[in-house]
């Protein structure tokens, strides 16, 4: 019964995009963002990571059976089982890189704006927590062509040049996440 009802929930959810009119770009972006959150969540092996917190806007049918202790400003809070280290993940899906014609360089927005980025930095600093921003680019939210995992403490601006992105690219994007020496890969 659980498997079938979960499949029905997912089918209903995926049909949301079909009901959204062309003019509702913001709503489409929200649905794509939720789809990408599910993609990222599914890349965390349950034998290695526990989900201890999630943002309220995460698509719930996927997370049945997960015990959530708290709500937070990021999409997920995970604990690495072996080390006991906790960290947070914010998921962002982008359709493409932005091309700056003046500098002739591709740029990736890893936060909506400078204010949102500074809010992430402030929370991380004040609560002494590690935060990783996982960004999917191109393809679809379920199967992005590129995926990056940015440690928030190493990133200075809410936009990142393509040559900086290369350092944080996950190849292939479907690779399961791993934790080594306090770092998410």
C-alpha atoms as a PDB file:
ATOM      1  CA  UNK A   1       0.000   0.000   0.000  1.00  0.00           C
ATOM      2  CA  UNK A   2       2.809   2.454   0.883  1.00  0.00           C
ATOM      3  CA  UNK A   3       4.692   1.897  -2.368  1.00  0.00           C
ATOM      4  CA  UNK A   4       1.589   2.438  -4.528  1.00  0.00           C
ATOM      5  CA  UNK A   5       0.404   5.536  -2.655  1.00  0.00           C
ATOM      6  CA  UNK A   6       3.925   7.002  -2.849  1.00  0.00           C
ATOM      7  CA  UNK A   7       3.977   6.399  -6.627  1.00  0.00           C
ATOM      8  CA  UNK A   8       0.568   8.086  -6.977  1.00  0.00           C
ATOM      9  CA  UNK A   9       1.780  11.085  -4.942  1.00  0.00           C
ATOM     10  CA  UNK A  10       4.831  11.415  -7.194  1.00  0.00           C
ATOM     11  CA  UNK A  11       2.715  11.193 -10.364  1.00  0.00           C
ATOM     12  CA  UNK A  12       0.338  13.865  -9.045  1.00  0.00           C
ATOM     13  CA  UNK A  13       3.290  16.047  -8.137  1.00  0.00           C
ATOM     14  CA  UNK A  14       4.994  15.684 -11.526  1.00  0.00           C
ATOM     15  CA  UNK A  15       1.753  16.673 -13.234  1.00  0.00           C
ATOM     16  CA  UNK A  16       1.874  20.038 -11.427  1.00  0.00           C
ATOM     17  CA  UNK A  17       4.104  21.390 -14.192  1.00  0.00           C
ATOM     18  CA  UNK A  18       1.476  20.496 -16.782  1.00  0.00           C
ATOM     19  CA  UNK A  19      -1.189  22.539 -14.949  1.00  0.00           C
ATOM     20  CA  UNK A  20       0.943  25.644 -14.599  1.00  0.00           C
ATOM     21  CA  UNK A  21       0.326  28.167 -17.352  1.00  0.00           C
ATOM     22  CA  UNK A  22       3.121  29.727 -19.364  1.00  0.00           C
ATOM     23  CA  UNK A  23       2.742  32.998 -17.426  1.00  0.00           C
ATOM     24  CA  UNK A  24       3.475  31.441 -14.053  1.00  0.00           C
ATOM     25  CA  UNK A  25       7.258  31.250 -14.343  1.00  0.00           C
ATOM     26  CA  UNK A  26       7.767  31.723 -10.593  1.00  0.00           C
ATOM     27  CA  UNK A  27       5.569  28.733  -9.816  1.00  0.00           C
ATOM     28  CA  UNK A  28       7.398  26.652 -12.431  1.00  0.00           C
ATOM     29  CA  UNK A  29      10.698  27.609 -10.828  1.00  0.00           C
ATOM     30  CA  UNK A  30       9.390  26.485  -7.417  1.00  0.00           C
ATOM     31  CA  UNK A  31       8.333  23.102  -8.798  1.00  0.00           C
ATOM     32  CA  UNK A  32      11.709  22.675 -10.521  1.00  0.00           C
ATOM     33  CA  UNK A  33      13.444  23.591  -7.271  1.00  0.00           C
ATOM     34  CA  UNK A  34      11.440  20.982  -5.363  1.00  0.00           C
ATOM     35  CA  UNK A  35      12.246  18.378  -8.012  1.00  0.00           C
ATOM     36  CA  UNK A  36      15.946  19.171  -7.666  1.00  0.00           C
ATOM     37  CA  UNK A  37      15.738  18.896  -3.864  1.00  0.00           C
ATOM     38  CA  UNK A  38      14.409  15.360  -4.278  1.00  0.00           C
ATOM     39  CA  UNK A  39      17.230  14.575  -6.722  1.00  0.00           C
ATOM     40  CA  UNK A  40      19.853  15.767  -4.242  1.00  0.00           C
ATOM     41  CA  UNK A  41      18.202  13.983  -1.301  1.00  0.00           C
ATOM     42  CA  UNK A  42      18.302  10.704  -3.228  1.00  0.00           C
ATOM     43  CA  UNK A  43      22.087  11.042  -3.685  1.00  0.00           C
ATOM     44  CA  UNK A  44      22.685  10.694   0.074  1.00  0.00           C
ATOM     45  CA  UNK A  45      23.164   6.995   0.943  1.00  0.00           C
ATOM     46  CA  UNK A  46      20.948   6.122   3.934  1.00  0.00           C
ATOM     47  CA  UNK A  47      23.652   3.807   5.324  1.00  0.00           C
ATOM     48  CA  UNK A  48      26.044   6.766   5.660  1.00  0.00           C
ATOM     49  CA  UNK A  49      23.792   9.780   6.352  1.00  0.00           C
ATOM     50  CA  UNK A  50      20.809  10.537   8.572  1.00  0.00           C
ATOM     51  CA  UNK A  51      18.428  13.353   7.663  1.00  0.00           C
ATOM     52  CA  UNK A  52      17.832  15.233  10.920  1.00  0.00           C
ATOM     53  CA  UNK A  53      16.219  18.420   9.593  1.00  0.00           C
ATOM     54  CA  UNK A  54      14.523  19.757   6.490  1.00  0.00           C
ATOM     55  CA  UNK A  55      12.946  22.944   5.302  1.00  0.00           C
ATOM     56  CA  UNK A  56       9.157  22.909   5.304  1.00  0.00           C
ATOM     57  CA  UNK A  57       8.867  23.387   1.541  1.00  0.00           C
ATOM     58  CA  UNK A  58      10.546  20.077   0.697  1.00  0.00           C
ATOM     59  CA  UNK A  59       8.264  17.636  -1.173  1.00  0.00           C
ATOM     60  CA  UNK A  60       7.040  15.406   1.661  1.00  0.00           C
ATOM     61  CA  UNK A  61       6.054  12.045   0.037  1.00  0.00           C
ATOM     62  CA  UNK A  62       9.717  11.333  -0.737  1.00  0.00           C
ATOM     63  CA  UNK A  63      10.678  11.727   2.912  1.00  0.00           C
ATOM     64  CA  UNK A  64       8.207   9.281   4.457  1.00  0.00           C
ATOM     65  CA  UNK A  65       9.883   7.406   7.274  1.00  0.00           C
ATOM     66  CA  UNK A  66      12.469  10.112   8.018  1.00  0.00           C
ATOM     67  CA  UNK A  67      12.386  11.453  11.575  1.00  0.00           C
ATOM     68  CA  UNK A  68      12.778  15.221  11.487  1.00  0.00           C
ATOM     69  CA  UNK A  69      13.961  16.855  14.722  1.00  0.00           C
ATOM     70  CA  UNK A  70      13.856  20.495  13.660  1.00  0.00           C
ATOM     71  CA  UNK A  71      13.095  22.955  10.834  1.00  0.00           C
ATOM     72  CA  UNK A  72      15.794  25.172   9.350  1.00  0.00           C
ATOM     73  CA  UNK A  73      16.555  27.887   6.781  1.00  0.00           C
ATOM     74  CA  UNK A  74      18.334  25.377   4.501  1.00  0.00           C
ATOM     75  CA  UNK A  75      16.765  22.533   2.555  1.00  0.00           C
ATOM     76  CA  UNK A  76      18.370  19.717   4.561  1.00  0.00           C
ATOM     77  CA  UNK A  77      20.327  18.944   7.686  1.00  0.00           C
ATOM     78  CA  UNK A  78      22.321  15.701   7.519  1.00  0.00           C
ATOM     79  CA  UNK A  79      24.468  13.828   9.994  1.00  0.00           C
ATOM     80  CA  UNK A  80      27.336  11.657   8.832  1.00  0.00           C
ATOM     81  CA  UNK A  81      26.746   8.461  10.821  1.00  0.00           C
ATOM     82  CA  UNK A  82      30.356   7.352  11.213  1.00  0.00           C
ATOM     83  CA  UNK A  83      31.804  10.702  12.349  1.00  0.00           C
ATOM     84  CA  UNK A  84      28.679  12.199  13.959  1.00  0.00           C
ATOM     85  CA  UNK A  85      29.365  15.459  12.094  1.00  0.00           C
ATOM     86  CA  UNK A  86      26.318  17.513  11.132  1.00  0.00           C
ATOM     87  CA  UNK A  87      26.018  19.836   8.172  1.00  0.00           C
ATOM     88  CA  UNK A  88      23.398  21.614   6.089  1.00  0.00           C
ATOM     89  CA  UNK A  89      22.626  21.556   2.383  1.00  0.00           C
ATOM     90  CA  UNK A  90      20.901  24.218   0.304  1.00  0.00           C
ATOM     91  CA  UNK A  91      19.773  23.072  -3.165  1.00  0.00           C
ATOM     92  CA  UNK A  92      19.552  25.337  -6.206  1.00  0.00           C
ATOM     93  CA  UNK A  93      18.607  24.409  -9.757  1.00  0.00           C
ATOM     94  CA  UNK A  94      19.547  26.713 -12.634  1.00  0.00           C
ATOM     95  CA  UNK A  95      18.531  26.250 -16.255  1.00  0.00           C
ATOM     96  CA  UNK A  96      21.852  27.626 -17.456  1.00  0.00           C
ATOM     97  CA  UNK A  97      24.855  29.770 -16.673  1.00  0.00           C
ATOM     98  CA  UNK A  98      24.491  33.512 -17.123  1.00  0.00           C
ATOM     99  CA  UNK A  99      26.854  34.897 -19.775  1.00  0.00           C
ATOM    100  CA  UNK A 100      28.363  38.271 -18.933  1.00  0.00           C
ATOM    101  CA  UNK A 101      29.034  39.771 -22.356  1.00  0.00           C
ATOM    102  CA  UNK A 102      31.133  42.608 -20.898  1.00  0.00           C
ATOM    103  CA  UNK A 103      33.593  40.177 -19.298  1.00  0.00           C
ATOM    104  CA  UNK A 104      32.962  37.361 -21.801  1.00  0.00           C
ATOM    105  CA  UNK A 105      32.613  34.831 -19.001  1.00  0.00           C
ATOM    106  CA  UNK A 106      29.924  32.470 -17.749  1.00  0.00           C
ATOM    107  CA  UNK A 107      28.609  33.094 -14.249  1.00  0.00           C
ATOM    108  CA  UNK A 108      26.537  30.890 -11.941  1.00  0.00           C
ATOM    109  CA  UNK A 109      24.160  32.406  -9.400  1.00  0.00           C
ATOM    110  CA  UNK A 110      24.376  30.191  -6.307  1.00  0.00           C
ATOM    111  CA  UNK A 111      21.919  32.323  -4.338  1.00  0.00           C
ATOM    112  CA  UNK A 112      18.914  34.361  -5.400  1.00  0.00           C
ATOM    113  CA  UNK A 113      20.699  37.592  -4.503  1.00  0.00           C
ATOM    114  CA  UNK A 114      23.409  39.070  -2.303  1.00  0.00           C
ATOM    115  CA  UNK A 115      21.038  39.382   0.677  1.00  0.00           C
ATOM    116  CA  UNK A 116      20.093  35.699   0.607  1.00  0.00           C
ATOM    117  CA  UNK A 117      23.758  34.722   0.329  1.00  0.00           C
ATOM    118  CA  UNK A 118      24.679  36.941   3.283  1.00  0.00           C
ATOM    119  CA  UNK A 119      21.822  35.393   5.298  1.00  0.00           C
ATOM    120  CA  UNK A 120      23.320  31.933   4.672  1.00  0.00           C
ATOM    121  CA  UNK A 121      26.783  33.172   5.684  1.00  0.00           C
ATOM    122  CA  UNK A 122      25.448  34.814   8.851  1.00  0.00           C
ATOM    123  CA  UNK A 123      23.535  31.702   9.938  1.00  0.00           C
ATOM    124  CA  UNK A 124      26.566  29.503   9.319  1.00  0.00           C
ATOM    125  CA  UNK A 125      28.869  31.839  11.242  1.00  0.00           C
ATOM    126  CA  UNK A 126      26.540  32.513  14.185  1.00  0.00           C
ATOM    127  CA  UNK A 127      25.615  28.845  14.622  1.00  0.00           C
ATOM    128  CA  UNK A 128      29.078  27.490  13.806  1.00  0.00           C
ATOM    129  CA  UNK A 129      27.715  25.044  11.219  1.00  0.00           C
ATOM    130  CA  UNK A 130      28.982  23.786   7.877  1.00  0.00           C
ATOM    131  CA  UNK A 131      26.771  24.612   4.909  1.00  0.00           C
ATOM    132  CA  UNK A 132      27.081  23.301   1.356  1.00  0.00           C
ATOM    133  CA  UNK A 133      25.234  24.778  -1.606  1.00  0.00           C
ATOM    134  CA  UNK A 134      24.481  22.108  -4.201  1.00  0.00           C
ATOM    135  CA  UNK A 135      23.640  23.558  -7.605  1.00  0.00           C
ATOM    136  CA  UNK A 136      22.319  21.678 -10.624  1.00  0.00           C
ATOM    137  CA  UNK A 137      22.682  23.318 -14.031  1.00  0.00           C
ATOM    138  CA  UNK A 138      21.217  22.526 -17.460  1.00  0.00           C
ATOM    139  CA  UNK A 139      19.380  19.311 -18.290  1.00  0.00           C
ATOM    140  CA  UNK A 140      16.417  18.822 -15.959  1.00  0.00           C
ATOM    141  CA  UNK A 141      16.057  19.066 -12.171  1.00  0.00           C
ATOM    142  CA  UNK A 142      15.818  15.270 -12.066  1.00  0.00           C
ATOM    143  CA  UNK A 143      18.891  14.828 -14.263  1.00  0.00           C
ATOM    144  CA  UNK A 144      21.050  17.958 -14.403  1.00  0.00           C
ATOM    145  CA  UNK A 145      23.895  18.038 -16.900  1.00  0.00           C
ATOM    146  CA  UNK A 146      26.205  19.616 -14.293  1.00  0.00           C
ATOM    147  CA  UNK A 147      26.191  19.514 -10.509  1.00  0.00           C
ATOM    148  CA  UNK A 148      28.362  21.508  -8.124  1.00  0.00           C
ATOM    149  CA  UNK A 149      28.874  21.270  -4.364  1.00  0.00           C
ATOM    150  CA  UNK A 150      30.104  24.568  -2.920  1.00  0.00           C
ATOM    151  CA  UNK A 151      31.301  24.738   0.704  1.00  0.00           C
ATOM    152  CA  UNK A 152      29.775  28.048   1.818  1.00  0.00           C
ATOM    153  CA  UNK A 153      32.872  28.956   3.845  1.00  0.00           C
ATOM    154  CA  UNK A 154      34.996  28.943   0.662  1.00  0.00           C
ATOM    155  CA  UNK A 155      32.687  31.077  -1.479  1.00  0.00           C
ATOM    156  CA  UNK A 156      32.823  34.869  -1.194  1.00  0.00           C
ATOM    157  CA  UNK A 157      30.045  36.045  -3.508  1.00  0.00           C
ATOM    158  CA  UNK A 158      26.562  34.928  -4.541  1.00  0.00           C
ATOM    159  CA  UNK A 159      27.777  34.634  -8.133  1.00  0.00           C
ATOM    160  CA  UNK A 160      30.618  32.331  -9.152  1.00  0.00           C
ATOM    161  CA  UNK A 161      32.684  32.417 -12.342  1.00  0.00           C
ATOM    162  CA  UNK A 162      32.754  29.258 -14.452  1.00  0.00           C
ATOM    163  CA  UNK A 163      36.460  28.637 -13.837  1.00  0.00           C
ATOM    164  CA  UNK A 164      35.769  28.632 -10.067  1.00  0.00           C
ATOM    165  CA  UNK A 165      32.835  26.242 -10.565  1.00  0.00           C
ATOM    166  CA  UNK A 166      35.183  23.701 -12.136  1.00  0.00           C
ATOM    167  CA  UNK A 167      36.849  23.109  -8.755  1.00  0.00           C
ATOM    168  CA  UNK A 168      33.513  22.099  -7.193  1.00  0.00           C
ATOM    169  CA  UNK A 169      31.976  20.084 -10.036  1.00  0.00           C
ATOM    170  CA  UNK A 170      30.615  16.637  -9.182  1.00  0.00           C
ATOM    171  CA  UNK A 171      31.395  14.147 -11.945  1.00  0.00           C
ATOM    172  CA  UNK A 172      29.161  12.478 -12.799  1.00  0.00           C
ATOM    173  CA  UNK A 173      26.222  14.442 -11.346  1.00  0.00           C
ATOM    174  CA  UNK A 174      24.541  11.156 -10.374  1.00  0.00           C
ATOM    175  CA  UNK A 175      27.434  10.148  -8.102  1.00  0.00           C
ATOM    176  CA  UNK A 176      26.388   9.483  -4.488  1.00  0.00           C
ATOM    177  CA  UNK A 177      27.568  11.990  -1.901  1.00  0.00           C
ATOM    178  CA  UNK A 178      30.453  11.079   0.386  1.00  0.00           C
ATOM    179  CA  UNK A 179      31.911  12.691   3.516  1.00  0.00           C
ATOM    180  CA  UNK A 180      35.674  12.938   4.023  1.00  0.00           C
ATOM    181  CA  UNK A 181      37.591  15.049   6.542  1.00  0.00           C
ATOM    182  CA  UNK A 182      34.642  17.327   7.268  1.00  0.00           C
ATOM    183  CA  UNK A 183      33.864  17.897   3.608  1.00  0.00           C
ATOM    184  CA  UNK A 184      30.995  16.839   1.375  1.00  0.00           C
ATOM    185  CA  UNK A 185      31.936  15.416  -2.032  1.00  0.00           C
END
